[in-house]
Amino acid sequence: MSYENVKLYKEKTKRWHNAHINPKVFKVGALVLLYNLQLRLFLGKLKSRWNGPFKVKSVAEHGALELENKPGEIFKVNGHRCKPYLGPSTDQMVEQITLTTPP
């Protein structure tokens, strides 16, 4: 009896967990932030753990992403370490800086 109850409970929690998973879908040309795993405890306690934005060059079937940084270097990362960048694009930031600086 208790084995059946445990099995039912596990199935129910698995269904609930799977229903709340949001898949990450990245498109070529989109901007993403990359999670920094190298930030150690107390070295930059208030620093953000997200670097970027980086531009997506290609997306593999298994979730790997090829990212491009500002100088044009391309590197591969796991897609689980990335999240979409929701801020202004880098071109818009450059336009804002040039518009707000006095002549």
N, C-alpha and C. Protein backbone atom coordinates (compact mmCIF):
# COMPACT_ATOMS: atom_id res chain seq x y z
N MET A 1 0.82 -1.20 0.00
CA MET A 1 0.00 0.00 0.00
C MET A 1 0.87 1.27 0.00
N SER A 2 1.87 1.30 0.88
CA SER A 2 2.72 2.50 0.96
C SER A 2 3.57 2.65 -0.30
N TYR A 3 3.97 1.54 -0.93
CA TYR A 3 4.74 1.63 -2.17
C TYR A 3 3.89 2.26 -3.28
N GLU A 4 2.63 1.92 -3.33
CA GLU A 4 1.74 2.49 -4.33
C GLU A 4 1.55 3.99 -4.10
N ASN A 5 1.42 4.38 -2.82
CA ASN A 5 1.25 5.80 -2.50
C ASN A 5 2.50 6.60 -2.87
N VAL A 6 3.67 6.02 -2.61
CA VAL A 6 4.92 6.69 -2.97
C VAL A 6 5.02 6.84 -4.49
N LYS A 7 4.65 5.80 -5.21
CA LYS A 7 4.70 5.84 -6.67
C LYS A 7 3.74 6.91 -7.20
N LEU A 8 2.53 6.98 -6.67
CA LEU A 8 1.57 7.99 -7.10
C LEU A 8 2.07 9.40 -6.79
N TYR A 9 2.66 9.58 -5.61
CA TYR A 9 3.19 10.89 -5.22
C TYR A 9 4.31 11.32 -6.16
N LYS A 10 5.22 10.39 -6.48
CA LYS A 10 6.33 10.72 -7.38
C LYS A 10 5.83 11.08 -8.78
N GLU A 11 4.85 10.36 -9.26
CA GLU A 11 4.29 10.66 -10.58
C GLU A 11 3.63 12.04 -10.59
N LYS A 12 2.92 12.35 -9.52
CA LYS A 12 2.23 13.64 -9.43
C LYS A 12 3.23 14.80 -9.37
N THR A 13 4.28 14.66 -8.57
CA THR A 13 5.28 15.73 -8.47
C THR A 13 6.06 15.85 -9.78
N LYS A 14 6.30 14.75 -10.47
CA LYS A 14 6.99 14.80 -11.75
C LYS A 14 6.15 15.55 -12.79
N ARG A 15 4.85 15.26 -12.83
CA ARG A 15 3.96 15.98 -13.75
C ARG A 15 3.94 17.47 -13.44
N TRP A 16 3.87 17.83 -12.16
CA TRP A 16 3.85 19.24 -11.77
C TRP A 16 5.15 19.93 -12.17
N HIS A 17 6.28 19.28 -11.91
CA HIS A 17 7.59 19.85 -12.24
C HIS A 17 7.73 20.04 -13.75
N ASN A 18 7.37 19.03 -14.52
CA ASN A 18 7.51 19.11 -15.98
C ASN A 18 6.58 20.16 -16.58
N ALA A 19 5.45 20.40 -15.96
CA ALA A 19 4.51 21.40 -16.47
C ALA A 19 5.04 22.81 -16.27
N HIS A 20 5.94 23.01 -15.31
CA HIS A 20 6.46 24.34 -15.01
C HIS A 20 7.83 24.62 -15.64
N ILE A 21 8.32 23.74 -16.48
CA ILE A 21 9.60 23.95 -17.15
C ILE A 21 9.36 24.77 -18.41
N ASN A 22 10.06 25.88 -18.54
CA ASN A 22 9.98 26.72 -19.74
C ASN A 22 11.19 26.43 -20.62
N PRO A 23 10.98 25.90 -21.82
CA PRO A 23 12.13 25.62 -22.69
C PRO A 23 12.77 26.92 -23.17
N LYS A 24 14.09 26.91 -23.29
CA LYS A 24 14.82 28.06 -23.80
C LYS A 24 15.02 27.87 -25.30
N VAL A 25 14.53 28.82 -26.06
CA VAL A 25 14.68 28.77 -27.52
C VAL A 25 15.45 30.01 -27.94
N PHE A 26 16.60 29.79 -28.57
CA PHE A 26 17.44 30.88 -29.03
C PHE A 26 17.47 30.90 -30.54
N LYS A 27 17.44 32.10 -31.11
CA LYS A 27 17.49 32.26 -32.56
C LYS A 27 18.82 32.91 -32.95
N VAL A 28 19.25 32.63 -34.14
CA VAL A 28 20.49 33.20 -34.66
C VAL A 28 20.33 34.71 -34.75
N GLY A 29 21.31 35.44 -34.24
CA GLY A 29 21.27 36.90 -34.27
C GLY A 29 20.72 37.52 -32.99
N ALA A 30 20.15 36.70 -32.11
CA ALA A 30 19.60 37.22 -30.86
C ALA A 30 20.74 37.53 -29.89
N LEU A 31 20.47 38.41 -28.93
CA LEU A 31 21.44 38.74 -27.89
C LEU A 31 21.13 37.94 -26.64
N VAL A 32 22.18 37.39 -26.01
CA VAL A 32 22.01 36.58 -24.80
C VAL A 32 23.03 37.01 -23.75
N LEU A 33 22.72 36.68 -22.50
CA LEU A 33 23.67 36.86 -21.40
C LEU A 33 24.21 35.49 -21.03
N LEU A 34 25.48 35.44 -20.62
CA LEU A 34 26.15 34.19 -20.28
C LEU A 34 26.45 34.16 -18.79
N TYR A 35 26.08 33.06 -18.13
CA TYR A 35 26.31 32.91 -16.70
C TYR A 35 27.79 32.66 -16.45
N ASN A 36 28.38 33.41 -15.52
CA ASN A 36 29.80 33.29 -15.20
C ASN A 36 29.98 32.31 -14.07
N LEU A 37 30.57 31.15 -14.36
CA LEU A 37 30.81 30.12 -13.35
C LEU A 37 32.07 30.40 -12.55
N GLN A 38 32.95 31.24 -13.04
CA GLN A 38 34.25 31.44 -12.41
C GLN A 38 34.24 32.45 -11.27
N LEU A 39 33.14 33.14 -11.04
CA LEU A 39 33.07 34.13 -9.97
C LEU A 39 33.06 33.40 -8.63
N ARG A 40 34.09 33.56 -7.86
CA ARG A 40 34.24 32.85 -6.58
C ARG A 40 33.59 33.63 -5.45
N LEU A 41 33.36 32.96 -4.35
CA LEU A 41 32.72 33.56 -3.19
C LEU A 41 33.59 34.68 -2.62
N PHE A 42 33.02 35.82 -2.33
CA PHE A 42 33.64 36.98 -1.70
C PHE A 42 34.60 37.75 -2.59
N LEU A 43 34.82 37.34 -3.83
CA LEU A 43 35.70 38.12 -4.70
C LEU A 43 34.95 39.27 -5.35
N GLY A 44 33.70 39.10 -5.56
CA GLY A 44 32.88 40.16 -6.13
C GLY A 44 31.46 39.92 -5.70
N LYS A 45 31.25 39.99 -4.40
CA LYS A 45 29.98 39.58 -3.83
C LYS A 45 28.79 40.30 -4.46
N LEU A 46 28.95 41.56 -4.78
CA LEU A 46 27.86 42.32 -5.35
C LEU A 46 27.92 42.41 -6.87
N LYS A 47 28.91 41.76 -7.48
CA LYS A 47 29.03 41.75 -8.93
C LYS A 47 27.96 40.86 -9.54
N SER A 48 27.54 41.20 -10.72
CA SER A 48 26.58 40.37 -11.43
C SER A 48 27.28 39.11 -11.93
N ARG A 49 26.58 38.00 -11.89
CA ARG A 49 27.14 36.75 -12.40
C ARG A 49 26.85 36.56 -13.89
N TRP A 50 26.20 37.53 -14.52
CA TRP A 50 25.86 37.42 -15.93
C TRP A 50 26.74 38.37 -16.74
N ASN A 51 27.38 37.84 -17.78
CA ASN A 51 28.24 38.61 -18.68
C ASN A 51 27.53 38.79 -20.01
N GLY A 52 27.87 39.87 -20.70
CA GLY A 52 27.32 40.00 -22.04
C GLY A 52 26.81 41.39 -22.30
N PRO A 53 26.09 41.59 -23.30
CA PRO A 53 25.41 40.62 -24.16
C PRO A 53 26.33 40.07 -25.27
N PHE A 54 26.03 38.86 -25.68
CA PHE A 54 26.73 38.19 -26.77
C PHE A 54 25.72 37.91 -27.87
N LYS A 55 26.21 37.83 -29.10
CA LYS A 55 25.34 37.57 -30.25
C LYS A 55 25.40 36.08 -30.60
N VAL A 56 24.25 35.46 -30.83
CA VAL A 56 24.18 34.04 -31.19
C VAL A 56 24.51 33.89 -32.66
N LYS A 57 25.55 33.10 -32.96
CA LYS A 57 25.95 32.85 -34.35
C LYS A 57 25.29 31.60 -34.91
N SER A 58 25.18 30.52 -34.08
CA SER A 58 24.50 29.31 -34.54
C SER A 58 23.98 28.55 -33.33
N VAL A 59 22.96 27.73 -33.57
CA VAL A 59 22.34 26.92 -32.53
C VAL A 59 22.38 25.48 -32.98
N ALA A 60 22.92 24.59 -32.13
CA ALA A 60 22.98 23.16 -32.45
C ALA A 60 21.71 22.47 -31.95
N GLU A 61 21.45 21.28 -32.45
CA GLU A 61 20.26 20.52 -32.06
C GLU A 61 20.26 20.18 -30.58
N HIS A 62 21.41 19.85 -30.04
CA HIS A 62 21.50 19.39 -28.66
C HIS A 62 21.58 20.54 -27.66
N GLY A 63 21.50 21.78 -28.10
CA GLY A 63 21.43 22.91 -27.18
C GLY A 63 22.69 23.74 -27.07
N ALA A 64 23.75 23.37 -27.77
CA ALA A 64 24.98 24.16 -27.72
C ALA A 64 24.81 25.42 -28.57
N LEU A 65 25.41 26.51 -28.11
CA LEU A 65 25.32 27.78 -28.83
C LEU A 65 26.72 28.25 -29.20
N GLU A 66 26.84 28.84 -30.37
CA GLU A 66 28.06 29.54 -30.75
C GLU A 66 27.78 31.02 -30.56
N LEU A 67 28.58 31.66 -29.70
CA LEU A 67 28.39 33.07 -29.38
C LEU A 67 29.54 33.89 -29.94
N GLU A 68 29.24 35.15 -30.24
CA GLU A 68 30.25 36.08 -30.73
C GLU A 68 30.29 37.28 -29.78
N ASN A 69 31.52 37.65 -29.37
CA ASN A 69 31.67 38.82 -28.50
C ASN A 69 32.00 40.06 -29.34
N LYS A 70 32.25 41.17 -28.68
CA LYS A 70 32.48 42.45 -29.37
C LYS A 70 33.65 42.40 -30.36
N PRO A 71 34.83 41.85 -29.97
CA PRO A 71 35.95 41.83 -30.94
C PRO A 71 35.73 40.87 -32.10
N GLY A 72 34.68 40.06 -32.07
CA GLY A 72 34.42 39.13 -33.16
C GLY A 72 34.88 37.72 -32.89
N GLU A 73 35.31 37.42 -31.67
CA GLU A 73 35.73 36.06 -31.33
C GLU A 73 34.49 35.17 -31.16
N ILE A 74 34.56 33.95 -31.68
CA ILE A 74 33.44 33.01 -31.60
C ILE A 74 33.83 31.87 -30.69
N PHE A 75 32.92 31.49 -29.77
CA PHE A 75 33.17 30.37 -28.85
C PHE A 75 31.87 29.63 -28.60
N LYS A 76 31.98 28.37 -28.19
CA LYS A 76 30.81 27.53 -27.94
C LYS A 76 30.54 27.41 -26.45
N VAL A 77 29.26 27.42 -26.09
CA VAL A 77 28.84 27.23 -24.70
C VAL A 77 27.58 26.37 -24.68
N ASN A 78 27.28 25.84 -23.50
CA ASN A 78 26.05 25.10 -23.29
C ASN A 78 24.90 26.09 -23.22
N GLY A 79 23.78 25.77 -23.85
CA GLY A 79 22.64 26.66 -23.88
C GLY A 79 22.00 26.88 -22.52
N HIS A 80 22.25 25.96 -21.57
CA HIS A 80 21.68 26.11 -20.23
C HIS A 80 22.34 27.25 -19.47
N ARG A 81 23.52 27.68 -19.89
CA ARG A 81 24.23 28.77 -19.22
C ARG A 81 23.81 30.14 -19.74
N CYS A 82 22.89 30.20 -20.69
CA CYS A 82 22.49 31.46 -21.29
C CYS A 82 21.04 31.79 -20.98
N LYS A 83 20.76 33.10 -21.04
CA LYS A 83 19.38 33.56 -20.95
C LYS A 83 19.23 34.73 -21.91
N PRO A 84 18.02 34.96 -22.40
CA PRO A 84 17.82 36.05 -23.35
C PRO A 84 18.15 37.41 -22.74
N TYR A 85 18.74 38.28 -23.54
CA TYR A 85 19.06 39.64 -23.12
C TYR A 85 17.87 40.53 -23.46
N LEU A 86 17.30 41.19 -22.46
CA LEU A 86 16.09 41.97 -22.65
C LEU A 86 16.34 43.47 -22.69
N GLY A 87 17.57 43.89 -22.51
CA GLY A 87 17.89 45.31 -22.51
C GLY A 87 17.98 45.87 -23.92
N PRO A 88 18.38 47.14 -24.03
CA PRO A 88 18.52 47.74 -25.37
C PRO A 88 19.68 47.09 -26.12
N SER A 89 19.58 47.06 -27.43
CA SER A 89 20.67 46.49 -28.22
C SER A 89 21.88 47.39 -28.11
N THR A 90 23.04 46.86 -28.44
CA THR A 90 24.28 47.62 -28.31
C THR A 90 24.28 48.81 -29.26
N ASP A 91 23.63 48.70 -30.44
CA ASP A 91 23.54 49.81 -31.37
C ASP A 91 22.73 50.95 -30.76
N GLN A 92 21.64 50.61 -30.08
CA GLN A 92 20.82 51.64 -29.44
C GLN A 92 21.59 52.32 -28.33
N MET A 93 22.41 51.56 -27.59
CA MET A 93 23.20 52.16 -26.50
C MET A 93 24.21 53.14 -27.07
N VAL A 94 24.84 52.81 -28.20
CA VAL A 94 25.81 53.71 -28.83
C VAL A 94 25.11 54.98 -29.29
N GLU A 95 23.90 54.84 -29.87
CA GLU A 95 23.15 56.01 -30.32
C GLU A 95 22.78 56.90 -29.14
N GLN A 96 22.37 56.30 -28.02
CA GLN A 96 22.01 57.08 -26.85
C GLN A 96 23.21 57.83 -26.30
N ILE A 97 24.37 57.20 -26.30
CA ILE A 97 25.58 57.85 -25.79
C ILE A 97 25.96 59.02 -26.70
N THR A 98 25.89 58.83 -28.01
CA THR A 98 26.27 59.90 -28.91
C THR A 98 25.26 61.05 -28.87
N LEU A 99 23.99 60.75 -28.63
CA LEU A 99 22.99 61.80 -28.57
C LEU A 99 23.07 62.62 -27.29
N THR A 100 23.48 61.99 -26.19
CA THR A 100 23.47 62.69 -24.93
C THR A 100 24.77 63.42 -24.64
N THR A 101 25.84 63.13 -25.36
CA THR A 101 27.10 63.83 -25.11
C THR A 101 27.06 65.21 -25.75
N PRO A 102 27.56 66.24 -25.04
CA PRO A 102 27.53 67.59 -25.60
C PRO A 102 28.51 67.72 -26.76
N PRO A 103 28.22 68.56 -27.76
CA PRO A 103 29.10 68.71 -28.94
C PRO A 103 30.37 69.47 -28.63
